[in-house]
């Protein structure tokens, strides 16, 4: 009888990617993925340490998992419980102490060993913690790629060497590591063979990618994108997340010259204040960020920008916050992720003096989000009346409705009775809301094969 595995993933796209790989590994061991935890023989919480009180939220979720485990035990069914991801890496053995129901704790650099760890646990029946940073290439074990959508993620880089004072990534994901070009191209071909039309290259600091290429030379992300753009059947390329300091000339030029590279860029600035940027160890100034955006928009005038912003970092004054608001106004964003600063144990920011009062952070975040919402609405509304190619990714809630993505990463809803998931269609935008566009398909639009 086939066993079932339930995986709940939190946080970034990298975690989504990791969860898919864990499901594939366990599928080879006879575990079928389920969306219903009640029927799962194995439960994996794939955790994220970026958001506020991340560890406490995991322990709260484990309380619910414990109740489910006890309920299954009354029916004579065993439930194996694993905690994976960045909270697993940060908390380690502490998870077993605080939540004895957990059988396995596996860090983000060790999840490729999940089947072996499971077998070890089944033999010993003792909790196992595996959070070391192995010397082996974990991606070499992840060979059973399965595409769930015409648009999918492909990890090309992991880790970060920047050590921003608010961030735990260098401690939970480790140093920057770029995957071999040959490995990435092989994975891309597998995914394209399964019907993938759009690849989003993933990395904690993806534009820091560098690795010896097929010609023996050091390849940047721009060169990797150029190589992938030659693959037959691929129609779109994206990448995320980038650091301003690694946005080199060749990558900016790629946005001008690479026809498959979409006009959307996630480029976090975090704060508009030079004083706070220095305290964050961001290693760029406000003006350098503005100048960088100007260069990007000169290369690609229709570029849609998104960003990350933190308010209430230690020492942030009213003027520092106004500098952030002013930078948002100056740049103009299609979308953004904004957060209140919350200390992460083990990071320098957590030890800084002049921590900001919670109410002040809440008030500042509210003002910032109002401004960002206004900009997002304006950007979406600017697309009304425009024609653009849309890659259809999934069915909508209504009969005949399909949902796709614009070149600018907006969700687009349309009547797709004459189209199929995976088609690239030309549409005309008729309406815009805060989070999506409504469009109609142009006649004979199924002949559209490339994006803007």
Protein backbone atom coordinates (compact mmCIF):
# COMPACT_ATOMS: atom_id res chain seq x y z
CA UNK A 1 0.00 0.00 0.00
CA UNK A 2 1.36 3.43 -0.99
CA UNK A 3 2.30 5.68 1.91
CA UNK A 4 1.47 9.37 1.90
CA UNK A 5 3.55 12.43 2.71
CA UNK A 6 2.28 15.91 3.61
CA UNK A 7 4.72 18.81 3.12
CA UNK A 8 3.89 22.29 4.36
CA UNK A 9 6.28 24.92 3.07
CA UNK A 10 6.73 28.45 4.44
CA UNK A 11 8.48 31.51 3.09
CA UNK A 12 10.48 32.14 -0.05
CA UNK A 13 10.45 30.57 -3.51
CA UNK A 14 13.58 28.66 -2.58
CA UNK A 15 11.54 26.81 0.03
CA UNK A 16 8.88 26.03 -2.56
CA UNK A 17 11.61 24.59 -4.78
CA UNK A 18 13.09 22.59 -1.89
CA UNK A 19 9.66 21.19 -0.98
CA UNK A 20 9.14 19.98 -4.55
CA UNK A 21 12.53 18.25 -4.49
CA UNK A 22 11.73 16.55 -1.16
CA UNK A 23 8.44 15.30 -2.61
CA UNK A 24 10.31 13.85 -5.58
CA UNK A 25 12.87 12.13 -3.35
CA UNK A 26 10.14 10.56 -1.25
CA UNK A 27 8.12 9.57 -4.31
CA UNK A 28 11.02 7.29 -5.24
CA UNK A 29 10.66 5.73 -1.77
CA UNK A 30 6.98 4.98 -2.31
CA UNK A 31 5.48 8.09 -0.68
CA UNK A 32 2.69 9.83 -2.56
CA UNK A 33 2.20 13.52 -1.80
CA UNK A 34 -1.11 14.55 -0.22
CA UNK A 35 -2.72 17.87 0.64
CA UNK A 36 -4.54 16.30 3.59
CA UNK A 37 -2.40 15.99 6.72
CA UNK A 38 -4.96 13.66 8.32
CA UNK A 39 -4.04 10.87 5.89
CA UNK A 40 -0.27 11.45 5.91
CA UNK A 41 2.12 8.77 7.14
CA UNK A 42 4.84 11.41 7.14
CA UNK A 43 4.56 15.15 7.84
CA UNK A 44 7.31 17.60 6.85
CA UNK A 45 7.27 21.24 7.93
CA UNK A 46 9.63 23.06 5.57
CA UNK A 47 10.32 26.20 7.56
CA UNK A 48 11.49 29.77 6.95
CA UNK A 49 13.39 31.93 9.43
CA UNK A 50 12.89 35.31 7.75
CA UNK A 51 9.52 36.34 9.13
CA UNK A 52 8.79 37.56 12.64
CA UNK A 53 8.70 34.94 15.41
CA UNK A 54 9.37 32.21 12.85
CA UNK A 55 10.48 29.60 15.38
CA UNK A 56 7.48 30.16 17.65
CA UNK A 57 5.13 29.74 14.71
CA UNK A 58 6.75 26.40 13.95
CA UNK A 59 6.25 25.19 17.52
CA UNK A 60 2.63 26.32 17.35
CA UNK A 61 2.16 24.34 14.14
CA UNK A 62 3.81 21.33 15.75
CA UNK A 63 1.13 21.47 18.43
CA UNK A 64 -1.49 20.91 15.74
CA UNK A 65 0.62 18.18 14.16
CA UNK A 66 0.86 16.44 17.57
CA UNK A 67 -2.93 16.33 17.88
CA UNK A 68 -3.17 14.82 14.41
CA UNK A 69 -0.51 12.24 15.28
CA UNK A 70 -2.42 11.23 18.44
CA UNK A 71 -5.66 10.95 16.49
CA UNK A 72 -4.00 8.62 13.97
CA UNK A 73 -2.45 6.55 16.76
CA UNK A 74 -5.93 5.70 18.05
CA UNK A 75 -6.49 4.07 14.65
CA UNK A 76 -3.21 2.17 14.81
CA UNK A 77 -1.46 4.42 12.30
CA UNK A 78 2.06 5.77 12.67
CA UNK A 79 2.98 9.36 11.73
CA UNK A 80 6.62 10.32 11.21
CA UNK A 81 7.31 14.03 11.73
CA UNK A 82 10.18 16.04 10.25
CA UNK A 83 11.12 19.70 10.53
CA UNK A 84 13.18 20.96 7.60
CA UNK A 85 14.35 24.35 6.33
CA UNK A 86 15.97 27.34 7.95
CA UNK A 87 14.33 27.09 11.38
CA UNK A 88 15.59 23.51 11.52
CA UNK A 89 19.09 24.77 10.74
CA UNK A 90 18.91 27.54 13.33
CA UNK A 91 17.23 25.61 16.15
CA UNK A 92 18.70 22.13 15.66
CA UNK A 93 18.51 19.94 18.76
CA UNK A 94 16.35 22.53 20.53
CA UNK A 95 13.41 21.45 18.35
CA UNK A 96 13.64 17.91 19.71
CA UNK A 97 13.80 19.24 23.28
CA UNK A 98 10.80 21.52 22.90
CA UNK A 99 8.75 19.22 20.67
CA UNK A 100 9.58 15.56 21.45
CA UNK A 101 7.09 14.40 18.80
CA UNK A 102 9.59 15.46 16.11
CA UNK A 103 11.49 12.50 14.69
CA UNK A 104 13.84 14.26 12.28
CA UNK A 105 15.37 17.74 12.02
CA UNK A 106 16.94 18.38 8.62
CA UNK A 107 18.61 21.61 7.48
CA UNK A 108 18.27 23.11 3.99
CA UNK A 109 21.70 21.81 2.99
CA UNK A 110 20.83 18.24 4.04
CA UNK A 111 17.33 17.55 2.73
CA UNK A 112 18.74 15.56 -0.18
CA UNK A 113 19.50 12.90 2.46
CA UNK A 114 15.88 12.71 3.60
CA UNK A 115 15.32 9.09 2.42
CA UNK A 116 18.51 7.91 4.15
CA UNK A 117 17.68 9.78 7.36
CA UNK A 118 14.20 8.26 7.32
CA UNK A 119 15.63 4.76 7.03
CA UNK A 120 18.05 5.48 9.88
CA UNK A 121 15.19 6.66 12.06
CA UNK A 122 13.06 3.63 11.22
CA UNK A 123 15.90 1.38 12.36
CA UNK A 124 16.87 3.25 15.53
CA UNK A 125 13.52 4.84 16.49
CA UNK A 126 15.60 7.69 17.93
CA UNK A 127 15.29 11.35 16.85
CA UNK A 128 17.86 12.44 14.28
CA UNK A 129 19.26 15.95 13.76
CA UNK A 130 21.10 16.53 10.48
CA UNK A 131 22.08 20.18 10.05
CA UNK A 132 25.71 20.06 8.95
CA UNK A 133 26.87 21.78 5.78
CA UNK A 134 28.04 18.80 3.70
CA UNK A 135 30.97 19.04 1.30
CA UNK A 136 29.07 17.03 -1.32
CA UNK A 137 27.03 18.68 -4.04
CA UNK A 138 23.49 18.15 -2.84
CA UNK A 139 22.05 18.94 -6.27
CA UNK A 140 23.76 15.89 -7.74
CA UNK A 141 21.23 13.78 -5.83
CA UNK A 142 18.22 15.78 -7.04
CA UNK A 143 17.76 14.17 -10.43
CA UNK A 144 14.02 13.44 -10.51
CA UNK A 145 12.78 16.88 -11.52
CA UNK A 146 9.03 17.05 -12.13
CA UNK A 147 7.41 20.14 -13.56
CA UNK A 148 4.09 21.02 -11.95
CA UNK A 149 3.45 24.04 -14.17
CA UNK A 150 4.50 25.56 -17.52
CA UNK A 151 6.32 28.12 -15.35
CA UNK A 152 8.68 26.69 -12.78
CA UNK A 153 11.67 27.47 -10.57
CA UNK A 154 15.22 26.25 -11.03
CA UNK A 155 17.78 26.86 -8.30
CA UNK A 156 21.14 28.00 -9.69
CA UNK A 157 22.71 29.57 -6.59
CA UNK A 158 22.41 29.24 -2.84
CA UNK A 159 23.69 31.02 0.23
CA UNK A 160 24.98 34.54 0.76
CA UNK A 161 28.27 36.20 1.72
CA UNK A 162 26.84 39.68 2.29
CA UNK A 163 26.06 39.33 6.03
CA UNK A 164 23.42 42.05 6.25
CA UNK A 165 23.00 42.66 9.97
CA UNK A 166 19.27 41.82 9.95
CA UNK A 167 19.53 38.54 8.03
CA UNK A 168 19.99 34.90 9.04
CA UNK A 169 20.55 33.50 5.54
CA UNK A 170 24.37 33.25 5.76
CA UNK A 171 23.94 31.23 8.96
CA UNK A 172 21.14 28.95 7.77
CA UNK A 173 21.96 28.55 4.05
CA UNK A 174 25.71 29.00 4.24
CA UNK A 175 28.20 30.69 1.92
CA UNK A 176 27.44 31.55 -1.68
CA UNK A 177 27.52 28.53 -3.96
CA UNK A 178 26.90 28.52 -7.70
CA UNK A 179 25.81 25.28 -9.35
CA UNK A 180 27.77 23.91 -12.33
CA UNK A 181 26.56 25.20 -15.69
CA UNK A 182 26.27 21.67 -17.13
CA UNK A 183 24.04 20.61 -14.24
CA UNK A 184 21.75 23.61 -14.69
CA UNK A 185 21.45 23.11 -18.46
CA UNK A 186 20.65 19.42 -17.95
CA UNK A 187 17.92 20.28 -15.43
CA UNK A 188 16.53 22.96 -17.74
CA UNK A 189 16.32 20.50 -20.64
CA UNK A 190 14.48 17.98 -18.43
CA UNK A 191 11.93 20.59 -17.41
CA UNK A 192 11.44 21.87 -20.95
CA UNK A 193 10.89 18.28 -22.03
CA UNK A 194 7.99 18.15 -19.56
CA UNK A 195 6.33 21.21 -21.09
CA UNK A 196 7.95 24.06 -19.15
CA UNK A 197 7.93 27.31 -21.14
CA UNK A 198 9.22 29.70 -18.47
CA UNK A 199 12.12 29.26 -16.01
CA UNK A 200 12.75 31.46 -12.98
CA UNK A 201 16.33 31.05 -11.81
CA UNK A 202 16.53 31.06 -8.03
CA UNK A 203 19.18 32.08 -5.56
CA UNK A 204 19.43 33.88 -2.24
CA UNK A 205 21.77 36.21 -4.11
CA UNK A 206 21.21 34.99 -7.64
CA UNK A 207 23.05 37.72 -9.53
CA UNK A 208 26.25 36.80 -7.66
CA UNK A 209 26.26 33.62 -9.76
CA UNK A 210 29.66 32.74 -11.17
CA UNK A 211 30.99 29.38 -12.28
CA UNK A 212 33.26 27.95 -14.94
CA UNK A 213 31.21 27.70 -18.10
CA UNK A 214 31.09 25.36 -21.06
CA UNK A 215 33.99 27.24 -22.69
CA UNK A 216 36.21 27.01 -19.62
CA UNK A 217 35.73 30.71 -18.80
CA UNK A 218 34.09 32.15 -15.69
CA UNK A 219 30.39 32.64 -16.41
CA UNK A 220 28.18 35.27 -14.83
CA UNK A 221 24.41 35.09 -14.49
CA UNK A 222 24.10 37.03 -17.75
CA UNK A 223 26.13 34.41 -19.60
CA UNK A 224 24.11 31.59 -18.01
CA UNK A 225 20.87 33.30 -19.09
CA UNK A 226 22.26 33.63 -22.61
CA UNK A 227 23.05 29.91 -22.74
CA UNK A 228 19.61 28.92 -21.44
CA UNK A 229 17.91 31.21 -23.95
CA UNK A 230 19.27 28.98 -26.74
CA UNK A 231 17.33 25.93 -25.52
CA UNK A 232 14.57 24.91 -27.92
CA UNK A 233 11.09 25.22 -26.44
CA UNK A 234 11.95 27.75 -23.74
CA UNK A 235 10.06 31.01 -24.16
CA UNK A 236 10.70 33.04 -21.02
CA UNK A 237 13.41 33.60 -18.40
CA UNK A 238 13.33 35.34 -15.04
CA UNK A 239 15.55 35.37 -11.94
CA UNK A 240 15.26 36.29 -8.27
CA UNK A 241 16.48 37.55 -5.75
CA UNK A 242 19.18 40.10 -6.60
CA UNK A 243 21.52 42.31 -4.61
CA UNK A 244 22.20 45.81 -6.01
CA UNK A 245 25.97 45.35 -5.60
CA UNK A 246 25.97 42.37 -7.97
CA UNK A 247 23.98 44.03 -10.74
CA UNK A 248 26.84 44.15 -13.23
CA UNK A 249 26.91 45.75 -16.67
CA UNK A 250 26.52 42.49 -18.58
CA UNK A 251 23.35 41.63 -16.66
CA UNK A 252 21.87 45.08 -17.31
CA UNK A 253 22.73 44.64 -20.99
CA UNK A 254 21.07 41.21 -20.94
CA UNK A 255 17.78 42.93 -20.11
CA UNK A 256 18.26 44.95 -23.29
CA UNK A 257 19.50 42.15 -25.56
CA UNK A 258 18.12 38.80 -24.35
CA UNK A 259 14.66 38.48 -25.88
CA UNK A 260 13.59 35.76 -23.44
CA UNK A 261 14.47 37.77 -20.32
CA UNK A 262 11.31 39.34 -18.95
CA UNK A 263 11.02 43.05 -18.03
CA UNK A 264 10.63 42.39 -14.30
CA UNK A 265 13.32 42.71 -11.64
CA UNK A 266 13.18 42.20 -7.88
CA UNK A 267 15.86 44.52 -6.48
CA UNK A 268 15.70 45.05 -2.69
CA UNK A 269 16.95 48.32 -1.24
CA UNK A 270 15.73 47.77 2.38
CA UNK A 271 16.08 51.42 3.51
CA UNK A 272 16.29 54.84 1.88
CA UNK A 273 18.57 56.20 4.59
CA UNK A 274 22.34 56.05 4.14
CA UNK A 275 22.77 55.86 7.91
CA UNK A 276 20.48 52.83 8.18
CA UNK A 277 21.95 51.21 5.06
CA UNK A 278 25.38 51.40 6.70
CA UNK A 279 24.01 49.92 9.93
CA UNK A 280 22.44 47.12 7.87
CA UNK A 281 25.81 46.47 6.16
CA UNK A 282 24.16 46.79 2.77
CA UNK A 283 27.34 48.25 1.21
CA UNK A 284 25.49 50.56 -1.15
CA UNK A 285 24.15 54.08 -0.73
CA UNK A 286 20.81 55.56 -1.56
CA UNK A 287 22.24 57.44 -4.56
CA UNK A 288 24.05 54.37 -5.87
CA UNK A 289 20.73 52.51 -5.87
CA UNK A 290 18.99 55.37 -7.71
CA UNK A 291 21.80 55.53 -10.29
CA UNK A 292 21.59 51.75 -10.76
CA UNK A 293 17.86 51.89 -11.42
CA UNK A 294 18.44 54.69 -13.93
CA UNK A 295 20.94 52.50 -15.83
CA UNK A 296 18.54 49.54 -15.78
CA UNK A 297 15.67 51.64 -17.12
CA UNK A 298 17.87 53.10 -19.83
CA UNK A 299 18.54 49.53 -20.98
CA UNK A 300 14.93 48.41 -20.56
CA UNK A 301 12.50 51.37 -20.32
CA UNK A 302 9.45 49.21 -19.57
CA UNK A 303 11.12 47.44 -16.63
CA UNK A 304 8.78 46.64 -13.73
CA UNK A 305 10.59 46.83 -10.42
CA UNK A 306 9.76 45.20 -7.11
CA UNK A 307 11.68 45.46 -3.87
CA UNK A 308 12.02 44.57 -0.18
CA UNK A 309 11.81 47.26 2.50
CA UNK A 310 12.34 47.06 6.25
CA UNK A 311 10.99 49.75 8.57
CA UNK A 312 11.92 50.25 12.20
CA UNK A 313 15.50 49.00 12.01
CA UNK A 314 17.42 49.94 15.20
CA UNK A 315 18.24 53.63 15.25
CA UNK A 316 15.76 54.58 12.52
CA UNK A 317 14.58 58.15 13.11
CA UNK A 318 11.57 59.91 11.61
CA UNK A 319 13.94 61.47 9.06
CA UNK A 320 15.39 58.07 8.15
CA UNK A 321 11.88 56.78 7.54
CA UNK A 322 11.06 59.85 5.43
CA UNK A 323 14.15 59.07 3.35
CA UNK A 324 12.69 55.63 2.68
CA UNK A 325 9.30 57.07 1.73
CA UNK A 326 11.02 59.55 -0.57
CA UNK A 327 13.03 56.81 -2.29
CA UNK A 328 9.84 54.82 -2.92
CA UNK A 329 8.31 57.94 -4.48
CA UNK A 330 11.43 58.56 -6.56
CA UNK A 331 11.72 55.05 -7.99
CA UNK A 332 8.09 53.95 -8.36
CA UNK A 333 7.46 50.23 -7.88
CA UNK A 334 5.17 47.74 -9.56
CA UNK A 335 5.04 45.75 -6.32
CA UNK A 336 6.95 45.43 -3.05
CA UNK A 337 7.37 43.37 0.10
CA UNK A 338 7.53 45.50 3.23
CA UNK A 339 8.16 44.39 6.80
CA UNK A 340 8.62 45.63 10.33
CA UNK A 341 12.09 44.87 11.59
CA UNK A 342 12.15 41.98 14.03
CA UNK A 343 15.39 40.77 15.64
CA UNK A 344 16.78 37.42 14.54
CA UNK A 345 18.77 35.65 17.28
CA UNK A 346 22.41 35.39 16.34
CA UNK A 347 22.41 38.37 13.97
CA UNK A 348 24.20 41.66 14.78
CA UNK A 349 20.96 43.62 14.46
CA UNK A 350 19.46 41.79 17.42
CA UNK A 351 22.23 43.14 19.69
CA UNK A 352 22.02 46.76 18.55
CA UNK A 353 20.89 49.53 20.84
CA UNK A 354 18.06 51.93 19.96
CA UNK A 355 15.53 49.22 19.13
CA UNK A 356 12.37 50.88 17.84
CA UNK A 357 9.06 50.68 19.73
CA UNK A 358 6.57 48.27 18.21
CA UNK A 359 3.84 50.89 17.76
CA UNK A 360 6.23 53.19 15.91
CA UNK A 361 7.12 50.33 13.57
CA UNK A 362 3.45 49.55 12.99
CA UNK A 363 2.63 53.19 12.19
CA UNK A 364 5.53 53.53 9.77
CA UNK A 365 4.70 50.27 8.03
CA UNK A 366 1.11 51.37 7.59
CA UNK A 367 2.16 54.62 5.91
CA UNK A 368 4.64 52.82 3.68
CA UNK A 369 2.17 50.17 2.60
CA UNK A 370 -0.42 52.79 1.66
CA UNK A 371 2.13 54.37 -0.66
CA UNK A 372 3.18 51.02 -2.13
CA UNK A 373 -0.45 49.98 -2.69
CA UNK A 374 -1.06 53.24 -4.54
CA UNK A 375 1.94 52.60 -6.80
CA UNK A 376 0.92 49.00 -7.49
CA UNK A 377 -2.59 50.09 -8.46
CA UNK A 378 -1.18 52.79 -10.74
CA UNK A 379 1.18 50.35 -12.43
CA UNK A 380 -1.55 47.78 -13.04
CA UNK A 381 -3.97 50.38 -14.34
CA UNK A 382 -1.31 51.63 -16.77
CA UNK A 383 -1.64 48.30 -18.59
CA UNK A 384 -5.34 48.74 -19.41
CA UNK A 385 -5.72 48.80 -23.19
CA UNK A 386 -2.31 47.28 -23.81
CA UNK A 387 -1.73 44.09 -25.75
CA UNK A 388 0.76 41.61 -24.32
CA UNK A 389 1.67 37.93 -24.41
CA UNK A 390 0.49 35.81 -21.48
CA UNK A 391 1.68 32.33 -20.54
CA UNK A 392 -1.32 30.32 -19.33
CA UNK A 393 -0.43 28.45 -16.13
CA UNK A 394 -3.56 27.14 -14.42
CA UNK A 395 -7.37 27.05 -14.45
CA UNK A 396 -9.31 29.83 -12.76
CA UNK A 397 -12.20 29.55 -10.35
CA UNK A 398 -14.85 29.97 -13.05
CA UNK A 399 -15.78 27.63 -15.88
CA UNK A 400 -13.56 28.22 -18.91
CA UNK A 401 -11.35 30.69 -17.06
CA UNK A 402 -7.57 30.42 -17.27
CA UNK A 403 -4.89 32.32 -15.34
CA UNK A 404 -1.50 33.27 -16.69
CA UNK A 405 1.30 35.75 -16.14
CA UNK A 406 2.13 38.92 -18.02
CA UNK A 407 5.75 39.75 -18.92
CA UNK A 408 5.66 41.95 -15.78
CA UNK A 409 4.68 39.00 -13.53
CA UNK A 410 1.10 40.17 -13.04
CA UNK A 411 -1.60 37.53 -12.75
CA UNK A 412 -3.90 37.74 -15.78
CA UNK A 413 -7.43 36.26 -15.80
CA UNK A 414 -9.16 35.52 -19.09
CA UNK A 415 -11.77 33.37 -20.80
CA UNK A 416 -9.59 30.61 -22.20
CA UNK A 417 -12.12 28.18 -23.63
CA UNK A 418 -10.18 28.10 -26.91
CA UNK A 419 -6.77 27.72 -25.24
CA UNK A 420 -4.88 25.29 -23.03
CA UNK A 421 -2.57 25.50 -20.05
CA UNK A 422 0.94 26.00 -21.40
CA UNK A 423 -0.16 28.13 -24.36
CA UNK A 424 1.37 31.55 -24.92
CA UNK A 425 -1.47 33.80 -26.04
CA UNK A 426 -1.75 37.43 -27.03
CA UNK A 427 -4.29 39.35 -24.95
CA UNK A 428 -5.69 42.84 -24.54
CA UNK A 429 -6.00 44.07 -20.96
CA UNK A 430 -9.49 45.33 -20.14
CA UNK A 431 -9.46 45.78 -16.36
CA UNK A 432 -7.00 46.06 -13.49
CA UNK A 433 -7.24 45.44 -9.76
CA UNK A 434 -4.58 45.66 -7.06
CA UNK A 435 -3.42 42.08 -7.58
CA UNK A 436 -4.35 41.08 -11.12
CA UNK A 437 -5.40 42.02 -14.64
CA UNK A 438 -8.48 41.01 -16.60
CA UNK A 439 -7.97 40.46 -20.32
CA UNK A 440 -9.50 39.10 -23.52
CA UNK A 441 -7.66 36.82 -25.90
CA UNK A 442 -6.87 38.22 -29.32
CA UNK A 443 -8.03 36.24 -32.37
CA UNK A 444 -5.40 33.76 -33.63
CA UNK A 445 -3.32 34.61 -30.55
CA UNK A 446 -2.23 30.99 -30.10
CA UNK A 447 0.45 31.72 -32.66
CA UNK A 448 2.22 33.96 -30.11
CA UNK A 449 5.38 32.22 -28.99
CA UNK A 450 7.60 34.84 -27.42
CA UNK A 451 7.19 37.52 -24.81
CA UNK A 452 7.91 41.19 -24.90
